[in-house]
Amino acid sequence: MRQIKNLAGIICLVFVGLAACHASPVVDSTHALDRKVVVEKIAQTYTAEIGVRELTGRNDGARVEEYLAVTGFKKGNAWCAAFIAWSLERTSSDLHVLIKHPKSAWAPSWFPPAKTIYVKADKYRNVKPDRADVFGIYYAKDNRIGHVGFIDQWPPNQDYAITVEGNTNTAGSREGDGVYRKRRLKQNIYKVSRWV
C-alpha cells in the first residue's frame, strides 16, 4: 500500500512538473518559432530605434541608458554592443522566447567561435550573412573588434551591406551619437555572428 502511495505521489509530481514546464512562456527560440519569425521581429525592433539620439553626445539619454542597463552599465559607456543586447532582449520579451546571447557591452564578446558564421579572411568556411546577424569591425590600434551592429541586408554581387547600428553617426564612427541605418563596405566587416 505504501508503495502505491509513493508511486502515486511520484506520478503526481511528474504531471505537475510537466504542466509547469509546458505552461512556461520562455523556451529556446529554435524550438518555439520559425527562425524567420524571430529574425523579422528582431529587425522590427532594431529598425524602430533608428533616429534615437544621445541627449548630450556623451553616451547618455533615456533610451541609450535603457540599452546600457541590459548589460549592467550606466550612461557614459560605449553602447553599440548594448544596443544589440537590448534589441535581442526586447524581442525575447515580445515573442516570449529565449534568445541566448551575451548581455555584454564588450564588442568582442559577440563573436565566440560557435556563433561566428563569417570571418573576412576565411573565404572557404563562410556562411552568407543574413538579416539580424551581428557584424563586427576590427580596429588594428586596439587589436580587437571595436564596433558592432546588425546586418539588415547583405545584397549579392554588391560591395556593401546595409546595417543598423547604435553609437555611430553619419560618418560611421564607433563613437557616434545615435542609432543609424548605414551602408558599410563588406571588406570592412571583419566577423559576423548569428544568434538565432
N, C-alpha and C. Protein backbone atom coordinates (compact mmCIF):
# COMPACT_ATOMS: atom_id res chain seq x y z
N MET A 1 0.83 -1.19 0.00
CA MET A 1 0.00 0.00 0.00
C MET A 1 0.87 1.26 0.00
N ARG A 2 1.94 1.22 0.82
CA ARG A 2 2.84 2.35 0.89
C ARG A 2 3.51 2.59 -0.48
N GLN A 3 3.84 1.50 -1.19
CA GLN A 3 4.48 1.61 -2.49
C GLN A 3 3.53 2.26 -3.50
N ILE A 4 2.26 1.93 -3.41
CA ILE A 4 1.27 2.51 -4.32
C ILE A 4 1.14 4.01 -4.06
N LYS A 5 1.12 4.43 -2.76
CA LYS A 5 1.04 5.86 -2.43
C LYS A 5 2.28 6.60 -2.93
N ASN A 6 3.45 5.97 -2.74
CA ASN A 6 4.70 6.59 -3.21
C ASN A 6 4.69 6.73 -4.74
N LEU A 7 4.24 5.68 -5.42
CA LEU A 7 4.16 5.71 -6.86
C LEU A 7 3.17 6.77 -7.33
N ALA A 8 2.02 6.85 -6.66
CA ALA A 8 1.02 7.87 -6.99
C ALA A 8 1.59 9.27 -6.76
N GLY A 9 2.35 9.45 -5.69
CA GLY A 9 2.99 10.74 -5.42
C GLY A 9 3.99 11.11 -6.49
N ILE A 10 4.78 10.16 -6.93
CA ILE A 10 5.78 10.41 -7.98
C ILE A 10 5.09 10.76 -9.29
N ILE A 11 4.04 10.01 -9.63
CA ILE A 11 3.29 10.29 -10.86
C ILE A 11 2.69 11.70 -10.81
N CYS A 12 2.16 12.06 -9.65
CA CYS A 12 1.57 13.39 -9.49
C CYS A 12 2.64 14.47 -9.68
N LEU A 13 3.82 14.28 -9.09
CA LEU A 13 4.90 15.25 -9.24
C LEU A 13 5.35 15.38 -10.69
N VAL A 14 5.41 14.26 -11.37
CA VAL A 14 5.79 14.29 -12.79
C VAL A 14 4.78 15.11 -13.59
N PHE A 15 3.47 14.85 -13.38
CA PHE A 15 2.46 15.59 -14.12
C PHE A 15 2.46 17.07 -13.77
N VAL A 16 2.62 17.40 -12.50
CA VAL A 16 2.68 18.80 -12.09
C VAL A 16 3.90 19.46 -12.72
N GLY A 17 5.04 18.77 -12.70
CA GLY A 17 6.26 19.30 -13.31
C GLY A 17 6.11 19.50 -14.80
N LEU A 18 5.52 18.54 -15.48
CA LEU A 18 5.31 18.68 -16.92
C LEU A 18 4.35 19.82 -17.22
N ALA A 19 3.32 19.96 -16.43
CA ALA A 19 2.36 21.04 -16.63
C ALA A 19 3.04 22.38 -16.43
N ALA A 20 3.89 22.48 -15.40
CA ALA A 20 4.60 23.73 -15.15
C ALA A 20 5.55 24.04 -16.29
N CYS A 21 6.26 23.05 -16.78
CA CYS A 21 7.17 23.25 -17.90
C CYS A 21 6.42 23.64 -19.16
N HIS A 22 5.31 22.98 -19.39
CA HIS A 22 4.53 23.26 -20.59
C HIS A 22 3.95 24.66 -20.56
N ALA A 23 3.60 25.16 -19.38
CA ALA A 23 3.00 26.47 -19.25
C ALA A 23 4.03 27.59 -19.33
N SER A 24 5.30 27.28 -19.24
CA SER A 24 6.35 28.28 -19.24
C SER A 24 6.38 29.02 -20.57
N PRO A 25 6.35 30.38 -20.54
CA PRO A 25 6.35 31.13 -21.77
C PRO A 25 7.73 31.29 -22.40
N VAL A 26 8.78 30.94 -21.69
CA VAL A 26 10.13 31.14 -22.20
C VAL A 26 10.72 29.81 -22.63
N VAL A 27 10.98 29.68 -23.90
CA VAL A 27 11.58 28.47 -24.44
C VAL A 27 12.66 28.86 -25.43
N ASP A 28 13.50 27.94 -25.79
CA ASP A 28 14.55 28.18 -26.77
C ASP A 28 13.91 28.51 -28.11
N SER A 29 14.32 29.63 -28.71
CA SER A 29 13.69 30.10 -29.94
C SER A 29 13.80 29.10 -31.09
N THR A 30 14.82 28.26 -31.08
CA THR A 30 14.96 27.32 -32.18
C THR A 30 13.86 26.27 -32.16
N HIS A 31 13.21 26.09 -31.02
CA HIS A 31 12.13 25.11 -30.93
C HIS A 31 10.75 25.75 -30.94
N ALA A 32 10.65 27.00 -30.54
CA ALA A 32 9.34 27.62 -30.37
C ALA A 32 8.76 28.19 -31.66
N LEU A 33 9.56 28.90 -32.40
CA LEU A 33 9.06 29.60 -33.57
C LEU A 33 9.99 29.36 -34.76
N ASP A 34 9.45 29.53 -35.92
CA ASP A 34 10.26 29.51 -37.13
C ASP A 34 11.32 30.61 -37.01
N ARG A 35 12.54 30.33 -37.41
CA ARG A 35 13.64 31.30 -37.33
C ARG A 35 13.28 32.60 -38.05
N LYS A 36 12.58 32.51 -39.17
CA LYS A 36 12.22 33.71 -39.93
C LYS A 36 11.36 34.67 -39.12
N VAL A 37 10.45 34.11 -38.32
CA VAL A 37 9.58 34.94 -37.49
C VAL A 37 10.42 35.71 -36.47
N VAL A 38 11.36 35.01 -35.83
CA VAL A 38 12.20 35.65 -34.82
C VAL A 38 13.10 36.70 -35.47
N VAL A 39 13.70 36.38 -36.60
CA VAL A 39 14.58 37.32 -37.31
C VAL A 39 13.81 38.58 -37.70
N GLU A 40 12.61 38.42 -38.22
CA GLU A 40 11.82 39.59 -38.62
C GLU A 40 11.45 40.45 -37.41
N LYS A 41 11.16 39.82 -36.28
CA LYS A 41 10.83 40.59 -35.07
C LYS A 41 12.07 41.34 -34.57
N ILE A 42 13.24 40.71 -34.62
CA ILE A 42 14.47 41.41 -34.23
C ILE A 42 14.65 42.62 -35.15
N ALA A 43 14.48 42.42 -36.45
CA ALA A 43 14.64 43.52 -37.41
C ALA A 43 13.64 44.64 -37.14
N GLN A 44 12.39 44.30 -36.82
CA GLN A 44 11.40 45.32 -36.49
C GLN A 44 11.84 46.10 -35.25
N THR A 45 12.39 45.37 -34.28
CA THR A 45 12.82 46.00 -33.03
C THR A 45 13.95 46.99 -33.28
N TYR A 46 15.01 46.54 -33.96
CA TYR A 46 16.15 47.47 -34.15
C TYR A 46 15.81 48.58 -35.13
N THR A 47 14.98 48.30 -36.14
CA THR A 47 14.62 49.33 -37.11
C THR A 47 13.79 50.44 -36.45
N ALA A 48 12.95 50.07 -35.51
CA ALA A 48 12.14 51.07 -34.80
C ALA A 48 12.99 52.04 -33.99
N GLU A 49 14.23 51.68 -33.72
CA GLU A 49 15.12 52.53 -32.92
C GLU A 49 15.91 53.53 -33.77
N ILE A 50 15.86 53.39 -35.10
CA ILE A 50 16.57 54.34 -35.96
C ILE A 50 16.07 55.75 -35.65
N GLY A 51 17.00 56.63 -35.40
CA GLY A 51 16.64 58.01 -35.05
C GLY A 51 16.84 58.33 -33.58
N VAL A 52 17.02 57.30 -32.73
CA VAL A 52 17.33 57.57 -31.33
C VAL A 52 18.66 58.32 -31.28
N ARG A 53 18.73 59.38 -30.47
CA ARG A 53 19.95 60.16 -30.34
C ARG A 53 20.33 60.32 -28.87
N GLU A 54 21.63 60.46 -28.64
CA GLU A 54 22.11 60.74 -27.29
C GLU A 54 21.61 62.12 -26.87
N LEU A 55 21.48 62.32 -25.58
CA LEU A 55 20.97 63.59 -25.07
C LEU A 55 22.01 64.70 -25.21
N THR A 56 23.25 64.44 -24.75
CA THR A 56 24.27 65.49 -24.77
C THR A 56 25.51 65.10 -25.58
N GLY A 57 25.47 63.94 -26.26
CA GLY A 57 26.63 63.50 -27.01
C GLY A 57 27.68 62.82 -26.14
N ARG A 58 27.28 62.40 -24.95
CA ARG A 58 28.22 61.74 -24.02
C ARG A 58 27.71 60.36 -23.61
N ASN A 59 27.22 59.60 -24.59
CA ASN A 59 26.69 58.26 -24.31
C ASN A 59 25.61 58.29 -23.23
N ASP A 60 24.64 59.19 -23.42
CA ASP A 60 23.59 59.36 -22.42
C ASP A 60 22.24 59.57 -23.09
N GLY A 61 21.22 59.75 -22.30
CA GLY A 61 19.85 59.92 -22.78
C GLY A 61 19.02 58.72 -22.33
N ALA A 62 17.73 58.93 -22.19
CA ALA A 62 16.86 57.90 -21.61
C ALA A 62 16.96 56.57 -22.36
N ARG A 63 16.86 56.57 -23.66
CA ARG A 63 16.86 55.32 -24.41
C ARG A 63 18.25 54.68 -24.40
N VAL A 64 19.29 55.48 -24.58
CA VAL A 64 20.65 54.96 -24.54
C VAL A 64 20.93 54.31 -23.19
N GLU A 65 20.44 54.91 -22.14
CA GLU A 65 20.63 54.35 -20.80
C GLU A 65 19.84 53.05 -20.62
N GLU A 66 18.70 52.91 -21.31
CA GLU A 66 17.99 51.63 -21.32
C GLU A 66 18.83 50.55 -21.99
N TYR A 67 19.46 50.90 -23.11
CA TYR A 67 20.32 49.93 -23.79
C TYR A 67 21.43 49.47 -22.85
N LEU A 68 22.10 50.43 -22.23
CA LEU A 68 23.22 50.13 -21.34
C LEU A 68 22.79 49.30 -20.13
N ALA A 69 21.60 49.57 -19.61
CA ALA A 69 21.12 48.87 -18.41
C ALA A 69 21.02 47.36 -18.63
N VAL A 70 20.71 46.93 -19.85
CA VAL A 70 20.62 45.49 -20.14
C VAL A 70 21.96 44.81 -19.87
N THR A 71 23.05 45.54 -20.05
CA THR A 71 24.38 44.97 -19.86
C THR A 71 24.97 45.30 -18.49
N GLY A 72 24.21 46.00 -17.66
CA GLY A 72 24.69 46.35 -16.33
C GLY A 72 25.53 47.61 -16.29
N PHE A 73 25.57 48.35 -17.38
CA PHE A 73 26.34 49.60 -17.43
C PHE A 73 25.42 50.80 -17.32
N LYS A 74 26.02 51.93 -16.97
CA LYS A 74 25.29 53.19 -16.85
C LYS A 74 25.75 54.15 -17.94
N LYS A 75 25.09 55.31 -17.98
CA LYS A 75 25.43 56.31 -19.00
C LYS A 75 26.92 56.63 -18.96
N GLY A 76 27.41 57.04 -20.12
CA GLY A 76 28.81 57.40 -20.24
C GLY A 76 29.66 56.31 -20.89
N ASN A 77 29.12 55.10 -20.99
CA ASN A 77 29.86 53.99 -21.59
C ASN A 77 29.48 53.82 -23.06
N ALA A 78 30.43 53.30 -23.85
CA ALA A 78 30.14 52.99 -25.24
C ALA A 78 28.97 52.00 -25.28
N TRP A 79 28.10 52.14 -26.26
CA TRP A 79 26.85 51.36 -26.20
C TRP A 79 26.46 50.64 -27.47
N CYS A 80 27.36 50.49 -28.44
CA CYS A 80 26.99 49.77 -29.66
C CYS A 80 26.58 48.33 -29.35
N ALA A 81 27.35 47.64 -28.52
CA ALA A 81 27.02 46.25 -28.17
C ALA A 81 25.81 46.18 -27.25
N ALA A 82 25.64 47.18 -26.39
CA ALA A 82 24.46 47.22 -25.52
C ALA A 82 23.19 47.34 -26.35
N PHE A 83 23.26 48.06 -27.47
CA PHE A 83 22.12 48.18 -28.37
C PHE A 83 21.73 46.81 -28.94
N ILE A 84 22.72 45.99 -29.28
CA ILE A 84 22.46 44.64 -29.76
C ILE A 84 21.77 43.83 -28.67
N ALA A 85 22.34 43.86 -27.47
CA ALA A 85 21.78 43.10 -26.34
C ALA A 85 20.35 43.54 -26.04
N TRP A 86 20.11 44.85 -26.02
CA TRP A 86 18.76 45.37 -25.75
C TRP A 86 17.77 44.90 -26.81
N SER A 87 18.17 44.96 -28.07
CA SER A 87 17.27 44.54 -29.16
C SER A 87 16.88 43.07 -29.04
N LEU A 88 17.85 42.22 -28.69
CA LEU A 88 17.55 40.79 -28.53
C LEU A 88 16.71 40.53 -27.29
N GLU A 89 16.97 41.27 -26.22
CA GLU A 89 16.15 41.14 -25.01
C GLU A 89 14.72 41.57 -25.27
N ARG A 90 14.55 42.68 -25.96
CA ARG A 90 13.20 43.18 -26.26
C ARG A 90 12.44 42.18 -27.12
N THR A 91 13.12 41.61 -28.11
CA THR A 91 12.49 40.61 -28.97
C THR A 91 12.12 39.37 -28.16
N SER A 92 13.02 38.93 -27.29
CA SER A 92 12.73 37.78 -26.42
C SER A 92 11.46 38.02 -25.62
N SER A 93 11.36 39.20 -25.05
CA SER A 93 10.20 39.55 -24.23
C SER A 93 8.93 39.62 -25.07
N ASP A 94 9.01 40.27 -26.22
CA ASP A 94 7.83 40.43 -27.07
C ASP A 94 7.30 39.10 -27.60
N LEU A 95 8.21 38.18 -27.95
CA LEU A 95 7.80 36.89 -28.52
C LEU A 95 7.69 35.77 -27.49
N HIS A 96 8.07 36.06 -26.26
CA HIS A 96 8.07 35.05 -25.19
C HIS A 96 8.95 33.85 -25.56
N VAL A 97 10.12 34.17 -26.07
CA VAL A 97 11.11 33.13 -26.37
C VAL A 97 12.44 33.55 -25.75
N LEU A 98 13.30 32.60 -25.58
CA LEU A 98 14.63 32.88 -25.06
C LEU A 98 15.61 32.91 -26.22
N ILE A 99 16.23 34.05 -26.43
CA ILE A 99 17.31 34.16 -27.40
C ILE A 99 18.59 34.24 -26.56
N LYS A 100 19.34 33.17 -26.57
CA LYS A 100 20.56 33.12 -25.77
C LYS A 100 21.62 33.98 -26.44
N HIS A 101 22.16 34.94 -25.69
CA HIS A 101 23.16 35.86 -26.21
C HIS A 101 23.93 36.47 -25.05
N PRO A 102 25.09 37.07 -25.33
CA PRO A 102 25.81 37.74 -24.25
C PRO A 102 25.08 39.02 -23.85
N LYS A 103 24.95 39.25 -22.59
CA LYS A 103 24.38 40.52 -22.12
C LYS A 103 25.57 41.42 -21.83
N SER A 104 26.26 41.75 -22.91
CA SER A 104 27.57 42.38 -22.80
C SER A 104 27.67 43.63 -23.65
N ALA A 105 28.35 44.64 -23.10
CA ALA A 105 28.66 45.85 -23.84
C ALA A 105 30.06 45.76 -24.44
N TRP A 106 30.74 44.63 -24.29
CA TRP A 106 32.08 44.41 -24.81
C TRP A 106 31.95 43.83 -26.21
N ALA A 107 32.27 44.60 -27.22
CA ALA A 107 32.05 44.19 -28.61
C ALA A 107 32.64 42.82 -28.95
N PRO A 108 33.88 42.48 -28.53
CA PRO A 108 34.43 41.17 -28.91
C PRO A 108 33.65 39.97 -28.39
N SER A 109 32.88 40.16 -27.32
CA SER A 109 32.14 39.03 -26.73
C SER A 109 31.04 38.50 -27.65
N TRP A 110 30.71 39.23 -28.69
CA TRP A 110 29.64 38.83 -29.61
C TRP A 110 30.11 37.87 -30.70
N PHE A 111 31.37 37.40 -30.61
CA PHE A 111 31.91 36.55 -31.68
C PHE A 111 32.60 35.28 -31.17
N PRO A 112 31.91 34.49 -30.35
CA PRO A 112 32.51 33.21 -29.97
C PRO A 112 32.55 32.30 -31.20
N PRO A 113 33.51 31.39 -31.27
CA PRO A 113 33.63 30.54 -32.46
C PRO A 113 32.34 29.80 -32.84
N ALA A 114 31.59 29.33 -31.87
CA ALA A 114 30.37 28.55 -32.17
C ALA A 114 29.28 29.39 -32.82
N LYS A 115 29.32 30.70 -32.65
CA LYS A 115 28.29 31.58 -33.23
C LYS A 115 28.79 32.37 -34.43
N THR A 116 30.09 32.36 -34.68
CA THR A 116 30.66 33.12 -35.79
C THR A 116 30.46 32.37 -37.09
N ILE A 117 29.79 33.04 -38.04
CA ILE A 117 29.47 32.40 -39.33
C ILE A 117 30.30 32.94 -40.48
N TYR A 118 30.95 34.08 -40.24
CA TYR A 118 31.70 34.74 -41.31
C TYR A 118 32.94 35.38 -40.71
N VAL A 119 34.08 35.13 -41.33
CA VAL A 119 35.33 35.78 -40.97
C VAL A 119 35.93 36.30 -42.27
N LYS A 120 36.28 37.56 -42.29
CA LYS A 120 36.75 38.22 -43.51
C LYS A 120 37.84 37.42 -44.24
N ALA A 121 38.80 36.92 -43.53
CA ALA A 121 39.94 36.25 -44.16
C ALA A 121 39.68 34.80 -44.56
N ASP A 122 38.53 34.26 -44.18
CA ASP A 122 38.25 32.84 -44.43
C ASP A 122 37.19 32.68 -45.51
N LYS A 123 37.61 32.57 -46.74
CA LYS A 123 36.67 32.50 -47.86
C LYS A 123 36.08 31.11 -48.06
N TYR A 124 36.59 30.11 -47.34
CA TYR A 124 36.16 28.73 -47.57
C TYR A 124 35.05 28.26 -46.63
N ARG A 125 35.00 28.79 -45.44
CA ARG A 125 34.01 28.30 -44.46
C ARG A 125 32.87 29.28 -44.23
N ASN A 126 32.89 30.42 -44.85
CA ASN A 126 31.91 31.45 -44.55
C ASN A 126 30.49 31.07 -44.99
N VAL A 127 29.55 31.46 -44.15
CA VAL A 127 28.12 31.37 -44.45
C VAL A 127 27.69 32.79 -44.82
N LYS A 128 26.81 32.93 -45.78
CA LYS A 128 26.34 34.26 -46.19
C LYS A 128 25.60 34.92 -45.02
N PRO A 129 26.05 36.10 -44.62
CA PRO A 129 25.33 36.81 -43.55
C PRO A 129 23.89 37.11 -43.96
N ASP A 130 23.04 37.21 -42.94
CA ASP A 130 21.62 37.38 -43.14
C ASP A 130 21.11 38.50 -42.24
N ARG A 131 19.88 38.87 -42.44
CA ARG A 131 19.23 39.89 -41.63
C ARG A 131 19.28 39.51 -40.15
N ALA A 132 19.58 40.46 -39.30
CA ALA A 132 19.63 40.33 -37.85
C ALA A 132 20.88 39.61 -37.34
N ASP A 133 21.81 39.27 -38.24
CA ASP A 133 23.11 38.79 -37.79
C ASP A 133 23.89 39.99 -37.25
N VAL A 134 24.87 39.72 -36.42
CA VAL A 134 25.67 40.77 -35.79
C VAL A 134 27.02 40.87 -36.49
N PHE A 135 27.40 42.06 -36.92
CA PHE A 135 28.70 42.25 -37.56
C PHE A 135 29.66 42.95 -36.60
N GLY A 136 30.94 42.73 -36.83
CA GLY A 136 31.97 43.40 -36.05
C GLY A 136 33.02 44.02 -36.95
N ILE A 137 33.49 45.19 -36.56
CA ILE A 137 34.57 45.88 -37.27
C ILE A 137 35.82 45.84 -36.40
N TYR A 138 36.91 45.43 -37.02
CA TYR A 138 38.19 45.28 -36.33
C TYR A 138 38.96 46.61 -36.36
N TYR A 139 39.54 46.97 -35.21
CA TYR A 139 40.37 48.16 -35.11
C TYR A 139 41.79 47.73 -34.76
N ALA A 140 42.70 47.91 -35.70
CA ALA A 140 44.09 47.45 -35.52
C ALA A 140 44.75 48.11 -34.31
N LYS A 141 44.46 49.38 -34.08
CA LYS A 141 45.11 50.06 -32.94
C LYS A 141 44.68 49.47 -31.60
N ASP A 142 43.49 48.86 -31.55
CA ASP A 142 43.03 48.21 -30.33
C ASP A 142 43.31 46.71 -30.35
N ASN A 143 43.66 46.20 -31.53
CA ASN A 143 43.90 44.77 -31.73
C ASN A 143 42.67 43.93 -31.37
N ARG A 144 41.50 44.44 -31.75
CA ARG A 144 40.25 43.73 -31.44
C ARG A 144 39.09 44.33 -32.22
N ILE A 145 37.95 43.62 -32.18
CA ILE A 145 36.71 44.19 -32.70
C ILE A 145 36.31 45.32 -31.75
N GLY A 146 36.03 46.47 -32.33
CA GLY A 146 35.72 47.64 -31.51
C GLY A 146 34.37 48.26 -31.79
N HIS A 147 33.63 47.70 -32.75
CA HIS A 147 32.29 48.23 -33.03
C HIS A 147 31.44 47.10 -33.60
N VAL A 148 30.15 47.08 -33.19
CA VAL A 148 29.22 46.05 -33.67
C VAL A 148 27.90 46.70 -34.07
N GLY A 149 27.15 45.95 -34.88
CA GLY A 149 25.83 46.38 -35.29
C GLY A 149 25.10 45.21 -35.93
N PHE A 150 23.92 45.47 -36.42
CA PHE A 150 23.13 44.43 -37.08
C PHE A 150 23.30 44.53 -38.59
N ILE A 151 23.42 43.38 -39.24
CA ILE A 151 23.29 43.31 -40.70
C ILE A 151 21.79 43.40 -40.99
N ASP A 152 21.40 44.33 -41.85
CA ASP A 152 20.00 44.39 -42.26
C ASP A 152 19.83 43.78 -43.64
N GLN A 153 20.80 44.01 -44.51
CA GLN A 153 20.79 43.41 -45.85
C GLN A 153 22.24 43.09 -46.25
N TRP A 154 22.41 41.99 -46.93
CA TRP A 154 23.71 41.60 -47.48
C TRP A 154 23.47 41.32 -48.97
N PRO A 155 23.34 42.37 -49.79
CA PRO A 155 22.99 42.17 -51.19
C PRO A 155 24.05 41.36 -51.94
N PRO A 156 23.63 40.36 -52.71
CA PRO A 156 24.60 39.60 -53.50
C PRO A 156 25.18 40.50 -54.60
N ASN A 157 26.40 40.23 -54.94
CA ASN A 157 27.07 40.97 -56.02
C ASN A 157 27.17 42.47 -55.77
N GLN A 158 27.16 42.86 -54.52
CA GLN A 158 27.34 44.26 -54.15
C GLN A 158 28.55 44.35 -53.21
N ASP A 159 29.19 45.49 -53.18
CA ASP A 159 30.36 45.69 -52.33
C ASP A 159 30.01 46.16 -50.92
N TYR A 160 28.75 46.41 -50.68
CA TYR A 160 28.35 46.96 -49.39
C TYR A 160 27.22 46.14 -48.76
N ALA A 161 27.07 46.33 -47.46
CA ALA A 161 25.95 45.77 -46.70
C ALA A 161 25.18 46.94 -46.10
N ILE A 162 23.91 46.72 -45.87
CA ILE A 162 23.09 47.70 -45.16
C ILE A 162 23.03 47.25 -43.70
N THR A 163 23.32 48.17 -42.80
CA THR A 163 23.38 47.83 -41.37
C THR A 163 22.48 48.77 -40.57
N VAL A 164 22.18 48.34 -39.36
CA VAL A 164 21.56 49.22 -38.36
C VAL A 164 22.42 49.08 -37.12
N GLU A 165 22.89 50.22 -36.61
CA GLU A 165 23.86 50.17 -35.52
C GLU A 165 23.68 51.35 -34.57
N GLY A 166 24.03 51.11 -33.34
CA GLY A 166 23.98 52.14 -32.31
C GLY A 166 25.36 52.71 -32.04
N ASN A 167 25.38 53.89 -31.42
CA ASN A 167 26.61 54.59 -31.06
C ASN A 167 27.47 54.85 -32.29
N THR A 168 26.83 55.27 -33.36
CA THR A 168 27.53 55.67 -34.58
C THR A 168 26.98 57.02 -35.03
N ASN A 169 27.36 57.45 -36.22
CA ASN A 169 26.88 58.72 -36.75
C ASN A 169 26.88 58.65 -38.28
N THR A 170 26.62 59.76 -38.93
CA THR A 170 26.55 59.74 -40.39
C THR A 170 27.90 59.36 -41.01
N ALA A 171 29.00 59.62 -40.33
CA ALA A 171 30.33 59.28 -40.85
C ALA A 171 30.70 57.82 -40.57
N GLY A 172 29.92 57.14 -39.74
CA GLY A 172 30.20 55.73 -39.45
C GLY A 172 31.13 55.52 -38.27
N SER A 173 31.32 56.53 -37.46
CA SER A 173 32.20 56.44 -36.30
C SER A 173 31.70 55.42 -35.28
N ARG A 174 32.61 54.88 -34.48
CA ARG A 174 32.20 54.00 -33.40
C ARG A 174 31.93 54.79 -32.12
N GLU A 175 32.18 56.06 -32.13
CA GLU A 175 31.82 56.94 -31.02
C GLU A 175 30.89 58.01 -31.56
N GLY A 176 29.69 57.56 -31.92
CA GLY A 176 28.74 58.45 -32.55
C GLY A 176 27.74 59.03 -31.57
N ASP A 177 26.55 59.31 -32.09
CA ASP A 177 25.55 59.98 -31.26
C ASP A 177 24.17 59.35 -31.35
N GLY A 178 24.03 58.19 -32.06
CA GLY A 178 22.70 57.65 -32.17
C GLY A 178 22.62 56.33 -32.90
N VAL A 179 21.39 55.94 -33.23
CA VAL A 179 21.10 54.72 -33.98
C VAL A 179 20.85 55.13 -35.43
N TYR A 180 21.59 54.51 -36.35
CA TYR A 180 21.53 54.86 -37.76
C TYR A 180 21.43 53.61 -38.63
N ARG A 181 20.83 53.78 -39.80
CA ARG A 181 20.94 52.80 -40.88
C ARG A 181 22.14 53.26 -41.71
N LYS A 182 23.06 52.32 -41.98
CA LYS A 182 24.30 52.67 -42.67
C LYS A 182 24.53 51.76 -43.87
N ARG A 183 25.38 52.21 -44.77
CA ARG A 183 25.96 51.39 -45.84
C ARG A 183 27.40 51.16 -45.43
N ARG A 184 27.76 49.91 -45.23
CA ARG A 184 29.13 49.56 -44.85
C ARG A 184 29.75 48.72 -45.96
N LEU A 185 30.97 49.03 -46.31
CA LEU A 185 31.68 48.18 -47.25
C LEU A 185 31.87 46.80 -46.63
N LYS A 186 31.55 45.78 -47.38
CA LYS A 186 31.72 44.40 -46.88
C LYS A 186 33.17 44.13 -46.51
N GLN A 187 34.10 44.72 -47.23
CA GLN A 187 35.50 44.48 -46.94
C GLN A 187 35.93 45.02 -45.57
N ASN A 188 35.13 45.91 -44.98
CA ASN A 188 35.43 46.44 -43.65
C ASN A 188 34.80 45.63 -42.53
N ILE A 189 33.95 44.67 -42.89
CA ILE A 189 33.30 43.83 -41.88
C ILE A 189 34.21 42.64 -41.61
N TYR A 190 34.68 42.55 -40.38
CA TYR A 190 35.68 41.55 -40.01
C TYR A 190 35.06 40.20 -39.65
N LYS A 191 33.98 40.22 -38.87
CA LYS A 191 33.29 38.99 -38.46
C LYS A 191 31.79 39.23 -38.42
N VAL A 192 31.06 38.10 -38.55
CA VAL A 192 29.60 38.14 -38.40
C VAL A 192 29.21 36.93 -37.54
N SER A 193 28.32 37.17 -36.59
CA SER A 193 27.82 36.07 -35.76
C SER A 193 26.31 35.96 -35.91
N ARG A 194 25.80 34.78 -35.63
CA ARG A 194 24.36 34.51 -35.73
C ARG A 194 23.86 33.99 -34.39
N TRP A 195 22.83 34.65 -33.86
CA TRP A 195 22.30 34.31 -32.53
C TRP A 195 20.93 33.66 -32.59
N VAL A 196 20.31 33.60 -33.76
CA VAL A 196 19.00 32.96 -33.92
C VAL A 196 19.12 31.95 -35.05
